Amino acid sequence: MCEAAWLDLKRHGLAFGLSIAVILFGLIAAYAAAPDDASIVAALFPPWWPARQMFEAAGATGTIVQVGSWRSVLIVRSNQPNLAGRLHLNGALFTLSPLRSAGCSASLEKT
């Protein structure tokens, strides 16, 4: 009984450690790829959100230009200042430059 509990704790500890590593990697990547063009960004919304909620949040902030390579990534454009900050206020977890982030959209070109 005690051995089974130890193995279960060990398995959960490994999953927890990997989760923390993924989150830290994501934060570092998001910081390193911060948008330098304030008029267009790729916004990563919580993957557990329904598509409608993501589209409403992004649409309230700017114009949705394209859906990214992942279901929870939307490319948003706006001429209003502080697009990334407004997306964060509407629920985006991260904002990246879609022009430098190959995983967001391979076909998007700056116009």
Protein backbone atom coordinates (compact mmCIF):
# COMPACT_ATOMS: atom_id res chain seq x y z
CA MET A 1 0.00 0.00 0.00
CA CYS A 2 2.73 2.44 0.97
CA GLU A 3 4.77 1.59 -2.15
CA ALA A 4 1.78 2.25 -4.43
CA ALA A 5 1.23 5.64 -2.79
CA TRP A 6 4.91 6.52 -3.31
CA LEU A 7 4.74 5.61 -7.02
CA ASP A 8 1.57 7.69 -7.41
CA LEU A 9 3.22 10.70 -5.70
CA LYS A 10 6.31 10.27 -7.87
CA ARG A 11 4.20 10.21 -11.05
CA HIS A 12 2.26 13.35 -10.04
CA GLY A 13 5.49 15.12 -9.05
CA LEU A 14 6.95 14.48 -12.49
CA ALA A 15 3.79 15.79 -14.20
CA PHE A 16 3.83 18.88 -11.98
CA GLY A 17 7.50 19.53 -12.74
CA LEU A 18 6.94 19.19 -16.47
CA SER A 19 3.94 21.55 -16.29
CA ILE A 20 6.04 24.19 -14.52
CA ALA A 21 8.82 23.79 -17.12
CA VAL A 22 6.36 24.26 -19.99
CA ILE A 23 4.84 27.35 -18.36
CA LEU A 24 8.28 28.89 -17.75
CA PHE A 25 9.35 28.15 -21.32
CA GLY A 26 6.17 29.80 -22.58
CA LEU A 27 6.73 32.90 -20.46
CA ILE A 28 10.31 33.24 -21.66
CA ALA A 29 9.27 32.75 -25.28
CA ALA A 30 6.46 35.28 -24.92
CA TYR A 31 8.81 37.84 -23.39
CA ALA A 32 11.47 37.28 -26.05
CA ALA A 33 8.97 37.56 -28.91
CA ALA A 34 7.04 40.55 -27.59
CA PRO A 35 5.28 42.41 -30.40
CA ASP A 36 7.32 45.24 -31.84
CA ASP A 37 4.60 46.28 -34.29
CA ALA A 38 1.72 47.44 -32.09
CA SER A 39 -0.79 47.30 -34.94
CA ILE A 40 -0.79 43.49 -35.40
CA VAL A 41 -0.23 40.69 -32.89
CA ALA A 42 -0.85 36.98 -32.46
CA ALA A 43 -2.89 36.47 -29.29
CA LEU A 44 -2.87 33.13 -27.47
CA PHE A 45 -6.14 32.64 -25.64
CA PRO A 46 -6.81 29.94 -23.03
CA PRO A 47 -7.14 26.65 -24.95
CA TRP A 48 -10.10 25.64 -22.75
CA TRP A 49 -12.14 28.63 -23.94
CA PRO A 50 -14.79 27.94 -26.56
CA ALA A 51 -14.06 29.43 -29.99
CA ARG A 52 -16.93 31.89 -29.62
CA GLN A 53 -15.45 33.35 -26.43
CA MET A 54 -12.03 33.79 -28.07
CA PHE A 55 -13.50 35.47 -31.14
CA GLU A 56 -15.62 37.81 -29.00
CA ALA A 57 -12.64 38.82 -26.84
CA ALA A 58 -10.37 39.41 -29.84
CA GLY A 59 -13.11 41.10 -31.88
CA ALA A 60 -13.79 43.55 -29.04
CA THR A 61 -10.12 44.57 -29.18
CA GLY A 62 -9.45 44.78 -32.90
CA THR A 63 -10.04 43.13 -36.26
CA ILE A 64 -9.37 39.40 -36.46
CA VAL A 65 -7.14 38.94 -39.48
CA GLN A 66 -6.57 35.20 -39.32
CA VAL A 67 -6.74 32.12 -37.12
CA GLY A 68 -3.27 30.91 -36.18
CA SER A 69 -1.76 27.46 -36.57
CA TRP A 70 -3.22 26.51 -33.19
CA ARG A 71 -6.93 26.76 -32.49
CA SER A 72 -6.39 29.16 -29.57
CA VAL A 73 -4.21 31.64 -31.53
CA LEU A 74 -5.86 34.56 -33.30
CA ILE A 75 -4.04 37.19 -35.36
CA VAL A 76 -5.49 40.61 -34.48
CA ARG A 77 -4.94 44.02 -36.06
CA SER A 78 -5.83 47.44 -34.65
CA ASN A 79 -4.82 51.05 -35.21
CA GLN A 80 -5.63 51.89 -31.58
CA PRO A 81 -2.65 52.10 -29.20
CA ASN A 82 -1.63 49.31 -26.80
CA LEU A 83 -3.17 46.40 -28.71
CA ALA A 84 -1.25 43.78 -26.73
CA GLY A 85 -2.32 45.28 -23.39
CA ARG A 86 -5.96 45.43 -24.44
CA LEU A 87 -5.85 41.81 -25.59
CA HIS A 88 -4.43 40.80 -22.19
CA LEU A 89 -7.27 42.64 -20.47
CA ASN A 90 -9.73 40.68 -22.63
CA GLY A 91 -8.20 37.33 -21.64
CA ALA A 92 -5.21 36.66 -23.90
CA LEU A 93 -2.51 34.72 -22.07
CA PHE A 94 0.33 35.84 -24.36
CA THR A 95 0.81 38.14 -27.30
CA LEU A 96 3.51 37.54 -29.88
CA SER A 97 4.62 39.08 -33.12
CA PRO A 98 3.02 36.95 -35.84
CA LEU A 99 5.72 38.12 -38.23
CA ARG A 100 8.49 36.54 -36.10
CA SER A 101 6.61 33.55 -34.68
CA ALA A 102 6.51 30.81 -37.30
CA GLY A 103 4.03 28.77 -35.25
CA CYS A 104 1.38 31.47 -35.35
CA SER A 105 0.88 31.89 -39.07
CA ALA A 106 3.15 30.87 -41.89
CA SER A 107 1.30 32.80 -44.57
CA LEU A 108 0.83 36.19 -42.91
CA GLU A 109 2.75 39.00 -44.59
CA LYS A 110 3.14 42.53 -43.28
CA THR A 111 1.20 45.02 -45.35
